[in-house]
Amino acid sequence: MKAKDLKHIFYEWQGDVLVLNILGTPMAKQDAILKPKGNQLKISVKAQPQNGKATDYMVDFLAKECGVSASQIEVVYGRESIHKQLRIKAPKKLPKGVEFE
């Protein structure tokens, strides 16, 4: 695999579904979508990491950022982990660094 092939390793499109690999940071000073780190997009949220509440908060935050309802975002894995994969159905807007297919 060439270096240029790694450009978008933190996401992929499956039809109209955006699949994002995320490295989450709970208890941050502000909600933010940061730069990718390896094969994950760094996202920080202000929420506490208790019983998946930070993940729920992150889903709501990303729903607003992507112009969709929270019900259009599925947590594939990582509900109670900093390592997550989310599936966003037909996003209207995209986080920085992600391009429409």
Protein backbone atom coordinates (compact mmCIF):
# COMPACT_ATOMS: atom_id res chain seq x y z
CA MET A 1 0.00 0.00 0.00
CA LYS A 2 1.40 3.38 -1.00
CA ALA A 3 1.39 6.35 1.39
CA LYS A 4 -1.25 8.15 -0.66
CA ASP A 5 -3.57 5.14 -0.22
CA LEU A 6 -3.62 5.89 3.54
CA LYS A 7 -5.13 9.34 3.02
CA HIS A 8 -8.68 8.39 4.06
CA ILE A 9 -8.07 5.30 6.18
CA PHE A 10 -10.27 6.57 9.05
CA TYR A 11 -13.45 6.45 6.94
CA GLU A 12 -15.08 4.67 4.07
CA TRP A 13 -18.32 4.86 2.15
CA GLN A 14 -20.71 1.92 1.92
CA GLY A 15 -23.25 3.24 -0.55
CA ASP A 16 -24.74 6.37 1.09
CA VAL A 17 -23.49 5.33 4.55
CA LEU A 18 -20.36 6.97 5.96
CA VAL A 19 -18.41 4.59 8.21
CA LEU A 20 -16.14 6.46 10.65
CA ASN A 21 -13.44 5.03 12.92
CA ILE A 22 -13.18 7.34 15.92
CA LEU A 23 -10.77 7.96 18.76
CA GLY A 24 -12.96 9.66 21.34
CA THR A 25 -11.88 11.94 24.15
CA PRO A 26 -14.49 12.48 26.89
CA MET A 27 -14.44 15.28 29.48
CA ALA A 28 -12.85 17.74 27.04
CA LYS A 29 -13.11 21.52 27.44
CA GLN A 30 -15.14 21.74 24.24
CA ASP A 31 -16.76 19.57 21.61
CA ALA A 32 -14.52 19.34 18.57
CA ILE A 33 -13.67 17.27 15.52
CA LEU A 34 -9.89 17.16 15.36
CA LYS A 35 -7.32 15.72 12.95
CA PRO A 36 -7.08 12.02 12.21
CA LYS A 37 -4.63 9.96 14.25
CA GLY A 38 -3.63 6.82 12.40
CA ASN A 39 -6.80 5.10 11.24
CA GLN A 40 -9.12 7.06 13.55
CA LEU A 41 -10.66 10.54 13.52
CA LYS A 42 -10.12 12.28 16.86
CA ILE A 43 -13.31 13.69 18.36
CA SER A 44 -13.52 15.31 21.78
CA VAL A 45 -16.71 15.88 23.75
CA LYS A 46 -17.52 17.53 27.07
CA ALA A 47 -19.60 14.61 28.38
CA GLN A 48 -18.61 12.26 31.21
CA PRO A 49 -17.66 8.69 30.22
CA GLN A 50 -20.29 6.88 32.29
CA ASN A 51 -22.36 3.97 30.96
CA GLY A 52 -22.04 5.11 27.35
CA LYS A 53 -23.27 8.66 28.02
CA ALA A 54 -20.26 10.21 26.29
CA THR A 55 -20.99 8.09 23.21
CA ASP A 56 -24.64 9.18 23.21
CA TYR A 57 -23.47 12.78 23.51
CA MET A 58 -20.98 12.25 20.67
CA VAL A 59 -23.73 10.81 18.46
CA ASP A 60 -25.89 13.90 19.12
CA PHE A 61 -22.90 16.18 18.41
CA LEU A 62 -22.07 14.39 15.14
CA ALA A 63 -25.72 14.36 14.08
CA LYS A 64 -25.74 18.17 14.23
CA GLU A 65 -22.36 18.38 12.49
CA CYS A 66 -23.50 16.06 9.68
CA GLY A 67 -27.02 17.50 9.29
CA VAL A 68 -28.84 14.28 10.23
CA SER A 69 -30.93 13.05 13.14
CA ALA A 70 -29.26 10.98 15.87
CA SER A 71 -31.38 8.00 14.76
CA GLN A 72 -29.40 7.98 11.48
CA ILE A 73 -26.19 7.18 13.36
CA GLU A 74 -25.44 3.63 14.45
CA VAL A 75 -22.73 2.77 16.96
CA VAL A 76 -21.18 -0.37 15.45
CA TYR A 77 -18.78 -0.90 18.36
CA GLY A 78 -17.12 1.03 21.18
CA ARG A 79 -20.16 2.27 23.09
CA GLU A 80 -18.13 2.24 26.33
CA SER A 81 -14.67 2.64 24.78
CA ILE A 82 -12.63 5.48 23.30
CA HIS A 83 -12.24 3.36 20.13
CA LYS A 84 -15.48 3.46 18.15
CA GLN A 85 -16.96 2.84 14.77
CA LEU A 86 -20.05 4.76 13.68
CA ARG A 87 -22.25 4.45 10.61
CA ILE A 88 -23.90 7.69 9.48
CA LYS A 89 -26.77 7.25 7.03
CA ALA A 90 -26.80 9.82 4.20
CA PRO A 91 -24.95 12.73 5.88
CA LYS A 92 -25.85 16.16 4.48
CA LYS A 93 -22.54 17.70 5.64
CA LEU A 94 -19.20 16.05 6.37
CA PRO A 95 -16.56 16.48 9.07
CA LYS A 96 -13.35 18.14 7.89
CA GLY A 97 -11.12 15.67 6.08
CA VAL A 98 -13.99 13.52 4.82
CA GLU A 99 -15.04 13.81 1.19
CA PHE A 100 -18.22 12.77 -0.58
CA GLU A 101 -17.71 9.75 -2.77
